[in-house]
Amino acid sequence: MNINGHDIVKRIDNRLVALGFGRKVLAIDLGIPKTTISSWSIKSIVPRADDLYRVAQFLKVPVVWLLTGEDETGLTPEERELVDCYRRLDDRDRAEVVGIIALKLERYGQGGKALA
């Protein structure tokens, strides 16, 4: 497996877009220069472990996903966030969410499977 800074920054940028942020917000939050983030990509530098950890915390993704683009659970960051939110609900709200999903899936037919 070839891990490089360019791919890591692409994943960072994609996740930032999904969260509605830019590199500037990330850099300010982490207390590192925005140019440092750019240099990870330009020079294909793998960020230091402590920087990777802080970036992962900010983006709410596992460090392994930043490094490889894969998550041991097989979930995308958005799916992981959905699961995390679901787990914070009480039993009644969880049942309601499951009911809403079941209703949505009925629209797709074919045993509740989403159409591609």
N, C-alpha and C. Protein backbone atom coordinates (compact mmCIF):
# COMPACT_ATOMS: atom_id res chain seq x y z
N MET A 1 0.85 -1.17 0.00
CA MET A 1 0.00 0.00 0.00
C MET A 1 0.90 1.24 0.00
N ASN A 2 0.58 2.15 -0.88
CA ASN A 2 1.35 3.38 -0.99
C ASN A 2 0.56 4.54 -0.37
N ILE A 3 1.02 5.01 0.77
CA ILE A 3 0.37 6.13 1.45
C ILE A 3 1.16 7.39 1.14
N ASN A 4 0.46 8.42 0.65
CA ASN A 4 1.15 9.66 0.34
C ASN A 4 0.29 10.86 0.73
N GLY A 5 0.97 11.96 0.93
CA GLY A 5 0.31 13.18 1.38
C GLY A 5 -0.71 13.73 0.40
N HIS A 6 -0.45 13.55 -0.88
CA HIS A 6 -1.37 14.07 -1.88
C HIS A 6 -2.75 13.43 -1.72
N ASP A 7 -2.79 12.11 -1.59
CA ASP A 7 -4.06 11.40 -1.43
C ASP A 7 -4.74 11.76 -0.11
N ILE A 8 -3.94 11.92 0.94
CA ILE A 8 -4.48 12.30 2.25
C ILE A 8 -5.17 13.65 2.15
N VAL A 9 -4.52 14.61 1.50
CA VAL A 9 -5.10 15.95 1.37
C VAL A 9 -6.35 15.91 0.50
N LYS A 10 -6.38 15.06 -0.51
CA LYS A 10 -7.61 14.93 -1.32
C LYS A 10 -8.76 14.46 -0.44
N ARG A 11 -8.49 13.49 0.43
CA ARG A 11 -9.54 13.02 1.33
C ARG A 11 -9.94 14.12 2.32
N ILE A 12 -8.96 14.85 2.82
CA ILE A 12 -9.24 15.97 3.73
C ILE A 12 -10.14 16.99 3.02
N ASP A 13 -9.75 17.37 1.82
CA ASP A 13 -10.53 18.38 1.07
C ASP A 13 -11.95 17.90 0.79
N ASN A 14 -12.10 16.65 0.40
CA ASN A 14 -13.44 16.11 0.12
C ASN A 14 -14.31 16.13 1.37
N ARG A 15 -13.72 15.76 2.49
CA ARG A 15 -14.48 15.76 3.75
C ARG A 15 -14.81 17.18 4.19
N LEU A 16 -13.87 18.11 4.00
CA LEU A 16 -14.13 19.51 4.34
C LEU A 16 -15.32 20.04 3.54
N VAL A 17 -15.36 19.72 2.25
CA VAL A 17 -16.47 20.14 1.40
C VAL A 17 -17.78 19.56 1.93
N ALA A 18 -17.77 18.27 2.29
CA ALA A 18 -18.97 17.62 2.81
C ALA A 18 -19.46 18.29 4.09
N LEU A 19 -18.53 18.81 4.88
CA LEU A 19 -18.88 19.47 6.14
C LEU A 19 -19.15 20.97 5.96
N GLY A 20 -18.88 21.48 4.76
CA GLY A 20 -19.11 22.90 4.49
C GLY A 20 -17.99 23.81 4.98
N PHE A 21 -16.79 23.28 5.07
CA PHE A 21 -15.63 24.05 5.52
C PHE A 21 -14.57 24.11 4.43
N GLY A 22 -13.59 24.98 4.63
CA GLY A 22 -12.42 25.05 3.77
C GLY A 22 -11.16 24.80 4.57
N ARG A 23 -10.05 24.75 3.89
CA ARG A 23 -8.77 24.52 4.56
C ARG A 23 -8.46 25.59 5.61
N LYS A 24 -8.91 26.80 5.36
CA LYS A 24 -8.61 27.89 6.29
C LYS A 24 -9.20 27.60 7.68
N VAL A 25 -10.44 27.13 7.71
CA VAL A 25 -11.08 26.80 8.99
C VAL A 25 -10.32 25.68 9.69
N LEU A 26 -9.94 24.67 8.93
CA LEU A 26 -9.17 23.56 9.48
C LEU A 26 -7.85 24.06 10.06
N ALA A 27 -7.14 24.85 9.29
CA ALA A 27 -5.84 25.36 9.73
C ALA A 27 -5.97 26.19 11.01
N ILE A 28 -6.97 27.05 11.06
CA ILE A 28 -7.18 27.88 12.25
C ILE A 28 -7.50 27.00 13.45
N ASP A 29 -8.40 26.04 13.26
CA ASP A 29 -8.79 25.16 14.35
C ASP A 29 -7.61 24.35 14.89
N LEU A 30 -6.75 23.89 13.99
CA LEU A 30 -5.60 23.08 14.39
C LEU A 30 -4.40 23.92 14.83
N GLY A 31 -4.44 25.20 14.48
CA GLY A 31 -3.31 26.06 14.83
C GLY A 31 -2.08 25.80 13.99
N ILE A 32 -2.30 25.42 12.73
CA ILE A 32 -1.17 25.21 11.82
C ILE A 32 -1.38 26.08 10.59
N PRO A 33 -0.29 26.48 9.94
CA PRO A 33 -0.45 27.30 8.74
C PRO A 33 -1.15 26.54 7.62
N LYS A 34 -1.99 27.25 6.88
CA LYS A 34 -2.68 26.65 5.73
C LYS A 34 -1.67 26.13 4.72
N THR A 35 -0.52 26.80 4.63
CA THR A 35 0.52 26.37 3.70
C THR A 35 1.09 25.00 4.06
N THR A 36 1.03 24.65 5.34
CA THR A 36 1.50 23.32 5.77
C THR A 36 0.61 22.25 5.16
N ILE A 37 -0.69 22.48 5.18
CA ILE A 37 -1.62 21.52 4.60
C ILE A 37 -1.35 21.39 3.10
N SER A 38 -1.13 22.51 2.44
CA SER A 38 -0.82 22.47 1.01
C SER A 38 0.47 21.72 0.73
N SER A 39 1.47 21.90 1.60
CA SER A 39 2.76 21.24 1.37
C SER A 39 2.65 19.73 1.51
N TRP A 40 1.71 19.25 2.34
CA TRP A 40 1.50 17.80 2.44
C TRP A 40 1.16 17.24 1.08
N SER A 41 0.34 17.98 0.33
CA SER A 41 -0.08 17.53 -1.00
C SER A 41 1.01 17.74 -2.03
N ILE A 42 1.53 18.95 -2.09
CA ILE A 42 2.51 19.31 -3.11
C ILE A 42 3.76 18.44 -3.02
N LYS A 43 4.25 18.24 -1.80
CA LYS A 43 5.48 17.47 -1.60
C LYS A 43 5.20 15.99 -1.30
N SER A 44 3.91 15.62 -1.32
CA SER A 44 3.47 14.25 -1.02
C SER A 44 4.01 13.78 0.33
N ILE A 45 3.92 14.67 1.32
CA ILE A 45 4.39 14.37 2.67
C ILE A 45 3.23 13.79 3.48
N VAL A 46 3.49 12.69 4.16
CA VAL A 46 2.51 12.15 5.09
C VAL A 46 2.62 12.98 6.37
N PRO A 47 1.51 13.59 6.80
CA PRO A 47 1.55 14.43 8.00
C PRO A 47 2.00 13.65 9.24
N ARG A 48 2.50 14.38 10.22
CA ARG A 48 2.91 13.77 11.48
C ARG A 48 1.69 13.12 12.14
N ALA A 49 1.94 12.12 12.94
CA ALA A 49 0.85 11.37 13.60
C ALA A 49 -0.05 12.29 14.42
N ASP A 50 0.53 13.24 15.15
CA ASP A 50 -0.30 14.11 15.98
C ASP A 50 -1.16 15.02 15.12
N ASP A 51 -0.64 15.47 13.98
CA ASP A 51 -1.44 16.28 13.06
C ASP A 51 -2.57 15.45 12.44
N LEU A 52 -2.25 14.22 12.03
CA LEU A 52 -3.27 13.34 11.46
C LEU A 52 -4.40 13.10 12.46
N TYR A 53 -4.03 12.87 13.70
CA TYR A 53 -5.02 12.62 14.73
C TYR A 53 -5.94 13.83 14.90
N ARG A 54 -5.36 15.01 14.98
CA ARG A 54 -6.15 16.22 15.17
C ARG A 54 -7.04 16.50 13.96
N VAL A 55 -6.52 16.25 12.75
CA VAL A 55 -7.33 16.42 11.54
C VAL A 55 -8.50 15.43 11.57
N ALA A 56 -8.22 14.19 11.92
CA ALA A 56 -9.27 13.17 11.98
C ALA A 56 -10.36 13.56 12.99
N GLN A 57 -9.94 14.08 14.13
CA GLN A 57 -10.91 14.52 15.14
C GLN A 57 -11.78 15.65 14.60
N PHE A 58 -11.15 16.62 13.93
CA PHE A 58 -11.89 17.75 13.37
C PHE A 58 -12.88 17.27 12.32
N LEU A 59 -12.45 16.34 11.46
CA LEU A 59 -13.29 15.86 10.36
C LEU A 59 -14.25 14.76 10.78
N LYS A 60 -14.09 14.27 12.02
CA LYS A 60 -14.93 13.18 12.54
C LYS A 60 -14.82 11.93 11.69
N VAL A 61 -13.57 11.56 11.39
CA VAL A 61 -13.28 10.35 10.63
C VAL A 61 -12.15 9.60 11.33
N PRO A 62 -12.02 8.29 11.08
CA PRO A 62 -10.90 7.55 11.65
C PRO A 62 -9.58 7.92 10.95
N VAL A 63 -8.50 7.86 11.69
CA VAL A 63 -7.17 8.16 11.12
C VAL A 63 -6.88 7.21 9.97
N VAL A 64 -7.26 5.95 10.11
CA VAL A 64 -6.99 4.98 9.04
C VAL A 64 -7.67 5.41 7.74
N TRP A 65 -8.83 6.05 7.83
CA TRP A 65 -9.50 6.53 6.62
C TRP A 65 -8.69 7.64 5.97
N LEU A 66 -8.12 8.54 6.77
CA LEU A 66 -7.28 9.59 6.20
C LEU A 66 -6.09 8.99 5.47
N LEU A 67 -5.50 7.96 6.06
CA LEU A 67 -4.31 7.35 5.48
C LEU A 67 -4.60 6.52 4.24
N THR A 68 -5.69 5.77 4.26
CA THR A 68 -5.93 4.78 3.21
C THR A 68 -7.19 5.01 2.37
N GLY A 69 -8.11 5.81 2.91
CA GLY A 69 -9.39 5.98 2.24
C GLY A 69 -10.35 4.86 2.57
N GLU A 70 -9.93 3.95 3.45
CA GLU A 70 -10.77 2.83 3.85
C GLU A 70 -11.02 2.90 5.35
N ASP A 71 -12.16 2.41 5.75
CA ASP A 71 -12.54 2.37 7.15
C ASP A 71 -12.78 0.92 7.50
N GLU A 72 -12.28 0.49 8.64
CA GLU A 72 -12.42 -0.91 9.03
C GLU A 72 -13.88 -1.34 9.12
N THR A 73 -14.79 -0.42 9.28
CA THR A 73 -16.21 -0.76 9.35
C THR A 73 -16.84 -0.85 7.98
N GLY A 74 -16.19 -0.30 6.98
CA GLY A 74 -16.76 -0.28 5.63
C GLY A 74 -17.74 0.87 5.42
N LEU A 75 -17.87 1.75 6.42
CA LEU A 75 -18.78 2.88 6.32
C LEU A 75 -18.09 4.11 5.77
N THR A 76 -18.84 4.90 5.01
CA THR A 76 -18.32 6.20 4.60
C THR A 76 -18.38 7.14 5.80
N PRO A 77 -17.67 8.26 5.76
CA PRO A 77 -17.77 9.21 6.89
C PRO A 77 -19.21 9.66 7.15
N GLU A 78 -20.00 9.84 6.10
CA GLU A 78 -21.38 10.26 6.27
C GLU A 78 -22.20 9.17 6.95
N GLU A 79 -21.97 7.91 6.56
CA GLU A 79 -22.69 6.80 7.19
C GLU A 79 -22.28 6.65 8.65
N ARG A 80 -21.00 6.82 8.92
CA ARG A 80 -20.50 6.74 10.29
C ARG A 80 -21.14 7.83 11.15
N GLU A 81 -21.26 9.03 10.60
CA GLU A 81 -21.89 10.13 11.33
C GLU A 81 -23.36 9.82 11.62
N LEU A 82 -24.05 9.23 10.64
CA LEU A 82 -25.44 8.85 10.82
C LEU A 82 -25.58 7.83 11.95
N VAL A 83 -24.70 6.84 11.97
CA VAL A 83 -24.73 5.82 13.02
C VAL A 83 -24.45 6.47 14.38
N ASP A 84 -23.46 7.35 14.43
CA ASP A 84 -23.15 8.03 15.70
C ASP A 84 -24.34 8.84 16.21
N CYS A 85 -25.03 9.53 15.31
CA CYS A 85 -26.21 10.30 15.70
C CYS A 85 -27.32 9.37 16.19
N TYR A 86 -27.53 8.30 15.47
CA TYR A 86 -28.56 7.32 15.84
C TYR A 86 -28.31 6.78 17.24
N ARG A 87 -27.07 6.50 17.56
CA ARG A 87 -26.72 5.94 18.87
C ARG A 87 -26.99 6.91 20.01
N ARG A 88 -27.04 8.19 19.72
CA ARG A 88 -27.29 9.19 20.76
C ARG A 88 -28.79 9.35 21.07
N LEU A 89 -29.64 8.74 20.24
CA LEU A 89 -31.08 8.84 20.45
C LEU A 89 -31.55 7.86 21.51
N ASP A 90 -32.70 8.18 22.12
CA ASP A 90 -33.30 7.22 23.05
C ASP A 90 -34.07 6.16 22.24
N ASP A 91 -34.55 5.13 22.92
CA ASP A 91 -35.20 4.01 22.23
C ASP A 91 -36.41 4.45 21.41
N ARG A 92 -37.21 5.36 21.94
CA ARG A 92 -38.40 5.82 21.23
C ARG A 92 -38.03 6.53 19.93
N ASP A 93 -37.03 7.42 19.99
CA ASP A 93 -36.61 8.13 18.79
C ASP A 93 -35.94 7.20 17.79
N ARG A 94 -35.21 6.20 18.27
CA ARG A 94 -34.60 5.22 17.36
C ARG A 94 -35.68 4.49 16.58
N ALA A 95 -36.74 4.08 17.29
CA ALA A 95 -37.84 3.37 16.63
C ALA A 95 -38.50 4.27 15.59
N GLU A 96 -38.62 5.55 15.90
CA GLU A 96 -39.22 6.50 14.95
C GLU A 96 -38.35 6.64 13.70
N VAL A 97 -37.04 6.72 13.89
CA VAL A 97 -36.12 6.84 12.76
C VAL A 97 -36.20 5.60 11.88
N VAL A 98 -36.21 4.43 12.48
CA VAL A 98 -36.32 3.19 11.73
C VAL A 98 -37.63 3.17 10.94
N GLY A 99 -38.71 3.65 11.54
CA GLY A 99 -39.99 3.73 10.85
C GLY A 99 -39.94 4.66 9.65
N ILE A 100 -39.29 5.80 9.81
CA ILE A 100 -39.16 6.76 8.70
C ILE A 100 -38.36 6.13 7.56
N ILE A 101 -37.29 5.45 7.90
CA ILE A 101 -36.47 4.80 6.87
C ILE A 101 -37.28 3.73 6.15
N ALA A 102 -38.07 2.96 6.91
CA ALA A 102 -38.91 1.92 6.29
C ALA A 102 -39.89 2.55 5.31
N LEU A 103 -40.49 3.67 5.68
CA LEU A 103 -41.42 4.36 4.78
C LEU A 103 -40.72 4.82 3.51
N LYS A 104 -39.53 5.39 3.67
CA LYS A 104 -38.77 5.85 2.50
C LYS A 104 -38.43 4.69 1.58
N LEU A 105 -38.03 3.56 2.17
CA LEU A 105 -37.65 2.41 1.36
C LEU A 105 -38.83 1.79 0.63
N GLU A 106 -40.02 1.92 1.19
CA GLU A 106 -41.22 1.42 0.51
C GLU A 106 -41.39 2.08 -0.85
N ARG A 107 -40.97 3.33 -0.95
CA ARG A 107 -41.07 4.05 -2.22
C ARG A 107 -40.24 3.39 -3.31
N TYR A 108 -39.18 2.69 -2.92
CA TYR A 108 -38.30 2.07 -3.90
C TYR A 108 -38.82 0.73 -4.41
N GLY A 109 -39.70 0.09 -3.63
CA GLY A 109 -40.20 -1.22 -4.04
C GLY A 109 -39.10 -2.26 -3.94
N GLN A 110 -39.23 -3.34 -4.62
CA GLN A 110 -38.23 -4.41 -4.68
C GLN A 110 -37.71 -4.79 -3.30
N GLY A 111 -38.60 -5.02 -2.37
CA GLY A 111 -38.20 -5.49 -1.04
C GLY A 111 -37.47 -4.43 -0.23
N GLY A 112 -37.68 -3.16 -0.54
CA GLY A 112 -37.08 -2.11 0.26
C GLY A 112 -35.67 -1.74 -0.13
N LYS A 113 -35.17 -2.31 -1.22
CA LYS A 113 -33.81 -1.97 -1.64
C LYS A 113 -33.82 -0.71 -2.50
N ALA A 114 -32.87 0.18 -2.21
CA ALA A 114 -32.78 1.41 -2.98
C ALA A 114 -32.38 1.11 -4.42
N LEU A 115 -32.97 1.82 -5.33
CA LEU A 115 -32.61 1.66 -6.75
C LEU A 115 -31.37 2.46 -7.06
N ALA A 116 -30.49 1.90 -7.84
CA ALA A 116 -29.24 2.59 -8.17
C ALA A 116 -29.48 3.65 -9.21
